[in-house]
Amino acid sequence: MLSFPEIDPVLIKLGPLQVRWYGLMYVLGFLSSYFLVRHQISKFRLKKLAVEFENLNFALIISLVLGGRLGYVFFYNFSYYLEHPLEIFATWHGGMSFHGAVIGLVLAGWLYCRKKGLNFLETADIYVVTTPVGLGLGRLGNFINAELFGRVSDVPWAMVFPGAGPLARHPSQLYEALLEGVVLFAILWRLKTAKYRRGWAHGTMLAAFLMLYGFFRIFSEFFRQPDAQIGFLAGFITRGQLLSAVMICAGLILYFNVKNDSNV
């Protein structure tokens, strides 16, 4: 059994102002996506997207936060927020859903691209390959906060998490950081290069992301403690696994609809 590292979730404290590791991870995730997308725009000479880049980024950041928060409200704790509606705005209390963020990003991106005459699937392919960097950083933030911890385990690297009782648990946040962050980024970045070399249809990267993330999330959830207010569905699956299965289905539908059309 390993000892949980004593890392203060607050990185910097200046009077009432606090800079937390988790918030820093969000900032680093946004910055990494910004520079990686800009790199692709330059490399692939996407002049029209270059013009809309800054405004689109702003719209996507807003939609990510709103979608993530509303996704948590509706997917994970709707009954509570129905009784305490003002708590919906208390984001500092925690509670974000990546599945909700995906819905927000796709909807906002589609609306923006439609309004500005951009190819949505091409634009989505450029952005989505950068997403795993932020995902991996976010999971590291979860680990530092000792939240979203794993199920009870006796593996040698299990840890006793603060606030999770005396039993050692899987550091499932680190599993997710590796799979949803490092591994997923490596795969998508390599596939992105193959897409332009082989002339794959626009939307291929988005489809690959939906399927691969869904698979990695379903796998990692077998080691993660289900949300206390929900528990297991049907006695053996989690809400995250169910939502991820929907993502995989959406990715398959998208893939088979675009794979033979290089002009999408």
Protein backbone atom coordinates (compact mmCIF):
# COMPACT_ATOMS: atom_id res chain seq x y z
CA MET A 1 0.00 0.00 0.00
CA LEU A 2 1.27 3.49 -0.88
CA SER A 3 0.81 6.65 1.15
CA PHE A 4 -1.36 9.34 -0.35
CA PRO A 5 0.90 12.32 -1.12
CA GLU A 6 0.25 15.29 1.11
CA ILE A 7 -0.33 17.97 -1.51
CA ASP A 8 -2.25 21.05 -0.44
CA PRO A 9 -5.10 21.52 -2.96
CA VAL A 10 -4.51 25.27 -2.59
CA LEU A 11 -1.43 26.26 -4.55
CA ILE A 12 -1.34 29.94 -3.58
CA LYS A 13 -3.31 31.80 -0.90
CA LEU A 14 -3.37 35.60 -0.88
CA GLY A 15 -5.83 36.66 1.79
CA PRO A 16 -9.30 35.61 0.63
CA LEU A 17 -7.94 34.80 -2.83
CA GLN A 18 -7.00 31.19 -3.50
CA VAL A 19 -5.37 29.62 -6.52
CA ARG A 20 -6.11 25.90 -6.47
CA TRP A 21 -4.30 23.14 -8.32
CA TYR A 22 -7.58 22.03 -9.89
CA GLY A 23 -8.24 25.49 -11.33
CA LEU A 24 -4.66 25.66 -12.59
CA MET A 25 -5.20 22.37 -14.44
CA TYR A 26 -8.17 23.91 -16.26
CA VAL A 27 -6.06 26.90 -17.27
CA LEU A 28 -3.22 24.69 -18.50
CA GLY A 29 -5.71 22.55 -20.41
CA PHE A 30 -7.17 25.60 -22.17
CA LEU A 31 -3.71 26.93 -23.00
CA SER A 32 -2.48 23.62 -24.37
CA SER A 33 -5.54 23.33 -26.60
CA TYR A 34 -5.09 26.93 -27.74
CA PHE A 35 -1.50 26.43 -28.91
CA LEU A 36 -2.06 22.95 -30.37
CA VAL A 37 -5.06 24.14 -32.40
CA ARG A 38 -3.15 27.21 -33.59
CA HIS A 39 -0.28 24.92 -34.63
CA GLN A 40 -2.65 22.82 -36.74
CA ILE A 41 -4.27 25.87 -38.31
CA SER A 42 -0.85 27.04 -39.45
CA LYS A 43 0.35 23.60 -40.54
CA PHE A 44 -2.74 22.75 -42.58
CA ARG A 45 -3.29 26.35 -43.78
CA LEU A 46 -6.86 26.67 -42.52
CA LYS A 47 -7.26 30.36 -43.37
CA LYS A 48 -10.98 30.61 -42.66
CA LEU A 49 -10.64 29.00 -39.26
CA ALA A 50 -7.68 31.29 -38.49
CA VAL A 51 -9.97 34.31 -38.84
CA GLU A 52 -12.54 32.92 -36.40
CA PHE A 53 -10.06 31.24 -34.05
CA GLU A 54 -10.15 33.65 -31.10
CA ASN A 55 -13.92 34.11 -31.05
CA LEU A 56 -14.54 30.40 -31.48
CA ASN A 57 -12.21 29.64 -28.58
CA PHE A 58 -14.16 31.98 -26.32
CA ALA A 59 -17.48 30.40 -27.32
CA LEU A 60 -16.12 26.90 -26.70
CA ILE A 61 -14.73 27.75 -23.25
CA ILE A 62 -18.10 29.15 -22.18
CA SER A 63 -19.96 26.14 -23.59
CA LEU A 64 -17.55 23.72 -21.88
CA VAL A 65 -18.17 25.27 -18.46
CA LEU A 66 -21.93 25.55 -18.93
CA GLY A 67 -22.28 22.10 -20.46
CA GLY A 68 -20.09 20.50 -17.82
CA ARG A 69 -22.03 22.08 -14.98
CA LEU A 70 -25.50 21.42 -16.41
CA GLY A 71 -24.45 17.88 -17.31
CA TYR A 72 -23.58 17.23 -13.67
CA VAL A 73 -26.85 18.76 -12.52
CA PHE A 74 -29.04 16.66 -14.85
CA PHE A 75 -26.99 13.44 -15.07
CA TYR A 76 -25.70 13.04 -11.53
CA ASN A 77 -27.69 14.99 -8.93
CA PHE A 78 -30.90 16.33 -10.44
CA SER A 79 -33.12 15.73 -7.40
CA TYR A 80 -30.77 17.74 -5.17
CA TYR A 81 -30.58 20.72 -7.51
CA LEU A 82 -34.33 20.61 -8.04
CA GLU A 83 -34.68 21.31 -4.33
CA HIS A 84 -31.72 23.75 -4.21
CA PRO A 85 -31.75 25.56 -7.59
CA LEU A 86 -29.39 28.34 -6.48
CA GLU A 87 -26.69 25.72 -5.89
CA ILE A 88 -26.53 25.21 -9.65
CA PHE A 89 -24.48 28.41 -9.82
CA ALA A 90 -22.17 27.41 -6.91
CA THR A 91 -19.52 25.86 -9.15
CA TRP A 92 -16.89 26.38 -6.43
CA HIS A 93 -18.60 23.53 -4.54
CA GLY A 94 -17.56 21.17 -7.33
CA GLY A 95 -19.58 19.12 -9.76
CA MET A 96 -18.70 18.97 -13.46
CA SER A 97 -19.59 16.29 -16.01
CA PHE A 98 -17.35 15.65 -19.00
CA HIS A 99 -20.24 14.07 -20.89
CA GLY A 100 -22.21 17.28 -20.36
CA ALA A 101 -19.20 19.29 -21.51
CA VAL A 102 -19.05 17.25 -24.73
CA ILE A 103 -22.69 18.01 -25.46
CA GLY A 104 -22.10 21.71 -24.79
CA LEU A 105 -19.00 21.82 -26.98
CA VAL A 106 -20.60 19.99 -29.90
CA LEU A 107 -23.74 22.12 -29.80
CA ALA A 108 -21.89 25.44 -29.47
CA GLY A 109 -19.32 24.45 -32.10
CA TRP A 110 -22.00 23.39 -34.57
CA LEU A 111 -24.00 26.61 -34.08
CA TYR A 112 -20.90 28.80 -34.41
CA CYS A 113 -19.63 27.01 -37.51
CA ARG A 114 -23.04 27.17 -39.13
CA LYS A 115 -23.30 30.91 -38.45
CA LYS A 116 -19.78 31.68 -39.73
CA GLY A 117 -19.75 29.28 -42.68
CA LEU A 118 -17.08 26.98 -41.27
CA ASN A 119 -17.00 23.24 -41.89
CA PHE A 120 -18.09 21.87 -38.51
CA LEU A 121 -16.63 18.39 -38.85
CA GLU A 122 -13.28 19.70 -40.10
CA THR A 123 -13.15 22.18 -37.23
CA ALA A 124 -14.18 19.54 -34.70
CA ASP A 125 -11.38 17.26 -35.91
CA ILE A 126 -8.83 20.01 -35.29
CA TYR A 127 -10.02 20.72 -31.76
CA VAL A 128 -10.88 17.24 -30.54
CA VAL A 129 -7.36 15.84 -30.91
CA THR A 130 -6.20 18.38 -28.30
CA THR A 131 -8.90 17.51 -25.75
CA PRO A 132 -7.05 14.63 -24.03
CA VAL A 133 -4.38 17.02 -22.71
CA GLY A 134 -6.97 18.89 -20.67
CA LEU A 135 -8.61 15.62 -19.64
CA GLY A 136 -5.37 14.22 -18.29
CA LEU A 137 -4.59 17.42 -16.40
CA GLY A 138 -8.11 17.49 -14.97
CA ARG A 139 -7.71 13.95 -13.62
CA LEU A 140 -4.47 14.98 -11.94
CA GLY A 141 -6.45 17.80 -10.33
CA ASN A 142 -9.02 15.25 -9.10
CA PHE A 143 -6.19 13.22 -7.58
CA ILE A 144 -4.71 16.22 -5.76
CA ASN A 145 -8.19 17.04 -4.43
CA ALA A 146 -8.57 13.39 -3.29
CA GLU A 147 -11.92 13.21 -5.10
CA LEU A 148 -13.41 10.71 -7.53
CA PHE A 149 -11.27 8.04 -5.90
CA GLY A 150 -11.30 4.36 -6.71
CA ARG A 151 -12.90 1.26 -5.27
CA VAL A 152 -11.47 -0.65 -2.31
CA SER A 153 -8.49 -2.73 -3.37
CA ASP A 154 -5.49 -4.64 -2.04
CA VAL A 155 -3.17 -3.99 -4.99
CA PRO A 156 0.31 -2.84 -3.88
CA TRP A 157 -0.25 0.70 -5.17
CA ALA A 158 -3.62 1.20 -3.45
CA MET A 159 -3.95 4.30 -1.26
CA VAL A 160 -6.01 5.48 1.69
CA PHE A 161 -7.65 8.68 0.47
CA PRO A 162 -8.54 11.48 2.91
CA GLY A 163 -12.27 11.44 3.57
CA ALA A 164 -12.76 8.01 1.99
CA GLY A 165 -12.54 5.87 5.10
CA PRO A 166 -9.72 3.67 6.41
CA LEU A 167 -9.57 1.22 3.49
CA ALA A 168 -7.04 1.45 0.66
CA ARG A 169 -8.42 2.20 -2.79
CA HIS A 170 -7.40 2.27 -6.43
CA PRO A 171 -5.92 5.65 -7.46
CA SER A 172 -8.38 5.57 -10.34
CA GLN A 173 -7.81 9.25 -11.13
CA LEU A 174 -4.29 8.32 -12.23
CA TYR A 175 -5.60 5.46 -14.37
CA GLU A 176 -7.91 7.92 -16.10
CA ALA A 177 -5.15 10.51 -16.47
CA LEU A 178 -3.06 7.89 -18.26
CA LEU A 179 -5.80 6.44 -20.48
CA GLU A 180 -7.96 9.50 -21.18
CA GLY A 181 -4.96 11.82 -21.27
CA VAL A 182 -1.63 10.37 -22.38
CA VAL A 183 -2.77 7.31 -24.35
CA LEU A 184 -5.77 8.97 -26.00
CA PHE A 185 -3.71 12.01 -27.05
CA ALA A 186 -0.97 9.83 -28.52
CA ILE A 187 -3.48 7.83 -30.58
CA LEU A 188 -5.49 10.80 -31.83
CA TRP A 189 -2.43 12.90 -32.69
CA ARG A 190 -1.06 10.05 -34.79
CA LEU A 191 -4.43 9.43 -36.45
CA LYS A 192 -4.71 13.14 -37.26
CA THR A 193 -1.51 12.94 -39.29
CA ALA A 194 -2.81 9.84 -41.08
CA LYS A 195 -6.09 11.59 -41.83
CA TYR A 196 -4.44 14.34 -43.90
CA ARG A 197 -1.96 11.97 -45.51
CA ARG A 198 -4.60 9.46 -46.58
CA GLY A 199 -7.47 11.84 -47.22
CA TRP A 200 -9.85 10.53 -44.59
CA ALA A 201 -13.23 12.25 -44.33
CA HIS A 202 -13.80 15.17 -41.99
CA GLY A 203 -15.40 13.90 -38.80
CA THR A 204 -13.12 10.87 -38.56
CA MET A 205 -11.19 12.33 -35.63
CA LEU A 206 -14.37 13.30 -33.80
CA ALA A 207 -15.74 9.79 -34.29
CA ALA A 208 -12.48 8.23 -33.10
CA PHE A 209 -12.47 10.44 -30.01
CA LEU A 210 -16.04 9.54 -29.08
CA MET A 211 -15.38 5.82 -29.43
CA LEU A 212 -11.95 5.72 -27.78
CA TYR A 213 -12.86 7.98 -24.88
CA GLY A 214 -16.02 5.98 -24.30
CA PHE A 215 -14.04 2.73 -24.23
CA PHE A 216 -11.33 4.07 -21.90
CA ARG A 217 -13.90 5.62 -19.56
CA ILE A 218 -15.95 2.42 -19.36
CA PHE A 219 -12.80 0.44 -18.55
CA SER A 220 -11.53 2.88 -15.91
CA GLU A 221 -14.94 3.07 -14.22
CA PHE A 222 -14.52 -0.56 -13.15
CA PHE A 223 -11.88 0.75 -10.73
CA ARG A 224 -13.64 3.97 -9.72
CA GLN A 225 -16.05 4.31 -6.82
CA PRO A 226 -19.55 5.14 -8.14
CA ASP A 227 -21.08 8.47 -7.15
CA ALA A 228 -22.58 8.08 -3.68
CA GLN A 229 -25.92 9.63 -4.63
CA ILE A 230 -26.36 7.22 -7.57
CA GLY A 231 -24.47 4.02 -6.87
CA PHE A 232 -24.71 1.22 -9.42
CA LEU A 233 -27.36 1.06 -12.12
CA ALA A 234 -28.95 -2.34 -12.61
CA GLY A 235 -26.63 -3.53 -9.86
CA PHE A 236 -23.37 -3.51 -11.82
CA ILE A 237 -22.86 -0.50 -14.13
CA THR A 238 -22.22 3.16 -13.32
CA ARG A 239 -23.81 6.29 -14.74
CA GLY A 240 -20.46 7.18 -16.32
CA GLN A 241 -20.34 3.83 -18.12
CA LEU A 242 -23.87 4.26 -19.43
CA LEU A 243 -23.13 7.74 -20.79
CA SER A 244 -19.86 6.50 -22.28
CA ALA A 245 -21.70 3.69 -24.07
CA VAL A 246 -23.90 6.36 -25.66
CA MET A 247 -20.73 8.18 -26.77
CA ILE A 248 -19.41 5.02 -28.42
CA CYS A 249 -22.70 4.55 -30.29
CA ALA A 250 -22.63 8.19 -31.43
CA GLY A 251 -19.04 7.74 -32.62
CA LEU A 252 -19.92 4.60 -34.59
CA ILE A 253 -22.89 6.30 -36.25
CA LEU A 254 -20.76 9.32 -37.18
CA TYR A 255 -17.92 7.16 -38.49
CA PHE A 256 -20.10 5.08 -40.81
CA ASN A 257 -21.80 8.22 -42.08
CA VAL A 258 -18.61 10.05 -43.03
CA LYS A 259 -16.04 7.37 -43.87
CA ASN A 260 -16.94 7.20 -47.58
CA ASP A 261 -17.42 10.94 -48.03
CA SER A 262 -14.17 12.90 -48.16
CA ASN A 263 -16.08 16.09 -48.95
CA VAL A 264 -18.06 16.29 -45.69
